[in-house]
Amino acid sequence: MFVENRKNKVWLIYAYHAKTSEIVAFVWGKRDLRTALALKRRLKNSK
């Protein structure tokens, strides 16, 4: 996915609960490790 032009690529990553079919956390961000770690933090804080 990209925003405004193809040079501004972003990720939408999410955590999916298989048993309940629910998205339990998601993050929009640049395509880098920081975005992945943000999702990890959200999952840790949601418990």
N, C-alpha and C. Protein backbone atom coordinates (compact mmCIF):
# COMPACT_ATOMS: atom_id res chain seq x y z
N MET A 1 0.84 -1.16 0.00
CA MET A 1 0.00 0.00 0.00
C MET A 1 0.89 1.23 0.00
N PHE A 2 0.42 2.30 -0.58
CA PHE A 2 1.18 3.55 -0.56
C PHE A 2 0.24 4.72 -0.35
N VAL A 3 0.81 5.81 0.15
CA VAL A 3 0.04 7.02 0.44
C VAL A 3 0.53 8.13 -0.47
N GLU A 4 -0.36 8.69 -1.24
CA GLU A 4 -0.12 9.80 -2.16
C GLU A 4 0.72 9.43 -3.38
N ASN A 5 1.84 8.76 -3.19
CA ASN A 5 2.60 8.29 -4.35
C ASN A 5 3.34 7.01 -3.99
N ARG A 6 3.88 6.35 -4.97
CA ARG A 6 4.50 5.04 -4.75
C ARG A 6 5.78 5.11 -3.93
N LYS A 7 6.37 6.26 -3.76
CA LYS A 7 7.58 6.38 -2.96
C LYS A 7 7.27 6.37 -1.47
N ASN A 8 6.04 6.65 -1.10
CA ASN A 8 5.64 6.68 0.32
C ASN A 8 4.96 5.37 0.72
N LYS A 9 5.68 4.28 0.63
CA LYS A 9 5.10 2.98 0.97
C LYS A 9 4.96 2.85 2.48
N VAL A 10 3.83 2.28 2.90
CA VAL A 10 3.58 2.06 4.32
C VAL A 10 3.06 0.63 4.53
N TRP A 11 3.16 0.17 5.74
CA TRP A 11 2.61 -1.12 6.13
C TRP A 11 1.36 -0.91 6.96
N LEU A 12 0.42 -1.78 6.76
CA LEU A 12 -0.65 -2.00 7.73
C LEU A 12 -0.43 -3.42 8.19
N ILE A 13 0.03 -3.58 9.41
CA ILE A 13 0.24 -4.93 9.94
C ILE A 13 -0.70 -5.14 11.12
N TYR A 14 -1.12 -6.38 11.29
CA TYR A 14 -2.10 -6.65 12.34
C TYR A 14 -1.87 -8.02 12.95
N ALA A 15 -2.42 -8.20 14.13
CA ALA A 15 -2.40 -9.48 14.83
C ALA A 15 -3.82 -10.02 14.82
N TYR A 16 -3.96 -11.26 14.41
CA TYR A 16 -5.25 -11.90 14.20
C TYR A 16 -5.39 -13.07 15.16
N HIS A 17 -6.51 -13.12 15.87
CA HIS A 17 -6.80 -14.23 16.78
C HIS A 17 -7.55 -15.29 15.99
N ALA A 18 -6.93 -16.44 15.80
CA ALA A 18 -7.48 -17.47 14.92
C ALA A 18 -8.80 -18.06 15.43
N LYS A 19 -8.95 -18.22 16.72
CA LYS A 19 -10.17 -18.85 17.25
C LYS A 19 -11.38 -17.92 17.18
N THR A 20 -11.18 -16.63 17.41
CA THR A 20 -12.31 -15.70 17.44
C THR A 20 -12.46 -14.91 16.15
N SER A 21 -11.51 -15.06 15.23
CA SER A 21 -11.51 -14.31 13.96
C SER A 21 -11.50 -12.81 14.19
N GLU A 22 -10.84 -12.39 15.23
CA GLU A 22 -10.81 -10.98 15.61
C GLU A 22 -9.41 -10.40 15.39
N ILE A 23 -9.37 -9.16 14.90
CA ILE A 23 -8.10 -8.45 14.82
C ILE A 23 -7.89 -7.81 16.19
N VAL A 24 -6.83 -8.22 16.87
CA VAL A 24 -6.62 -7.77 18.25
C VAL A 24 -5.73 -6.55 18.35
N ALA A 25 -4.96 -6.26 17.31
CA ALA A 25 -4.11 -5.06 17.30
C ALA A 25 -3.68 -4.78 15.86
N PHE A 26 -3.45 -3.49 15.56
CA PHE A 26 -2.95 -3.14 14.24
C PHE A 26 -2.12 -1.87 14.32
N VAL A 27 -1.27 -1.68 13.31
CA VAL A 27 -0.38 -0.52 13.25
C VAL A 27 -0.19 -0.12 11.79
N TRP A 28 -0.26 1.18 11.53
CA TRP A 28 0.14 1.76 10.25
C TRP A 28 1.52 2.37 10.43
N GLY A 29 2.38 2.25 9.44
CA GLY A 29 3.67 2.89 9.58
C GLY A 29 4.60 2.62 8.42
N LYS A 30 5.78 3.19 8.51
CA LYS A 30 6.80 2.98 7.50
C LYS A 30 7.17 1.50 7.45
N ARG A 31 7.76 1.10 6.35
CA ARG A 31 8.13 -0.29 6.18
C ARG A 31 9.48 -0.54 6.85
N ASP A 32 9.47 -0.56 8.18
CA ASP A 32 10.72 -0.75 8.91
C ASP A 32 10.47 -1.51 10.22
N LEU A 33 11.54 -1.78 10.91
CA LEU A 33 11.47 -2.53 12.16
C LEU A 33 10.70 -1.79 13.24
N ARG A 34 10.76 -0.49 13.24
CA ARG A 34 10.06 0.32 14.25
C ARG A 34 8.55 0.04 14.22
N THR A 35 7.99 -0.10 13.04
CA THR A 35 6.56 -0.38 12.91
C THR A 35 6.22 -1.76 13.46
N ALA A 36 7.06 -2.75 13.15
CA ALA A 36 6.84 -4.09 13.68
C ALA A 36 6.92 -4.11 15.20
N LEU A 37 7.88 -3.38 15.74
CA LEU A 37 8.02 -3.32 17.20
C LEU A 37 6.83 -2.60 17.85
N ALA A 38 6.26 -1.64 17.14
CA ALA A 38 5.07 -0.94 17.66
C ALA A 38 3.91 -1.91 17.81
N LEU A 39 3.74 -2.81 16.85
CA LEU A 39 2.69 -3.82 16.96
C LEU A 39 2.97 -4.74 18.15
N LYS A 40 4.20 -5.12 18.32
CA LYS A 40 4.58 -5.97 19.45
C LYS A 40 4.25 -5.29 20.78
N ARG A 41 4.54 -3.99 20.88
CA ARG A 41 4.23 -3.23 22.10
C ARG A 41 2.72 -3.18 22.35
N ARG A 42 1.95 -2.97 21.30
CA ARG A 42 0.49 -2.91 21.47
C ARG A 42 -0.06 -4.23 21.96
N LEU A 43 0.48 -5.32 21.44
CA LEU A 43 0.03 -6.63 21.89
C LEU A 43 0.38 -6.86 23.35
N LYS A 44 1.58 -6.47 23.72
CA LYS A 44 2.02 -6.65 25.10
C LYS A 44 1.16 -5.83 26.06
N ASN A 45 0.81 -4.60 25.67
CA ASN A 45 0.01 -3.72 26.53
C ASN A 45 -1.47 -4.08 26.56
N SER A 46 -1.94 -4.87 25.62
CA SER A 46 -3.37 -5.19 25.55
C SER A 46 -3.77 -6.36 26.44
N LYS A 47 -2.82 -7.02 27.05
CA LYS A 47 -3.13 -8.20 27.88
C LYS A 47 -3.74 -7.82 29.20
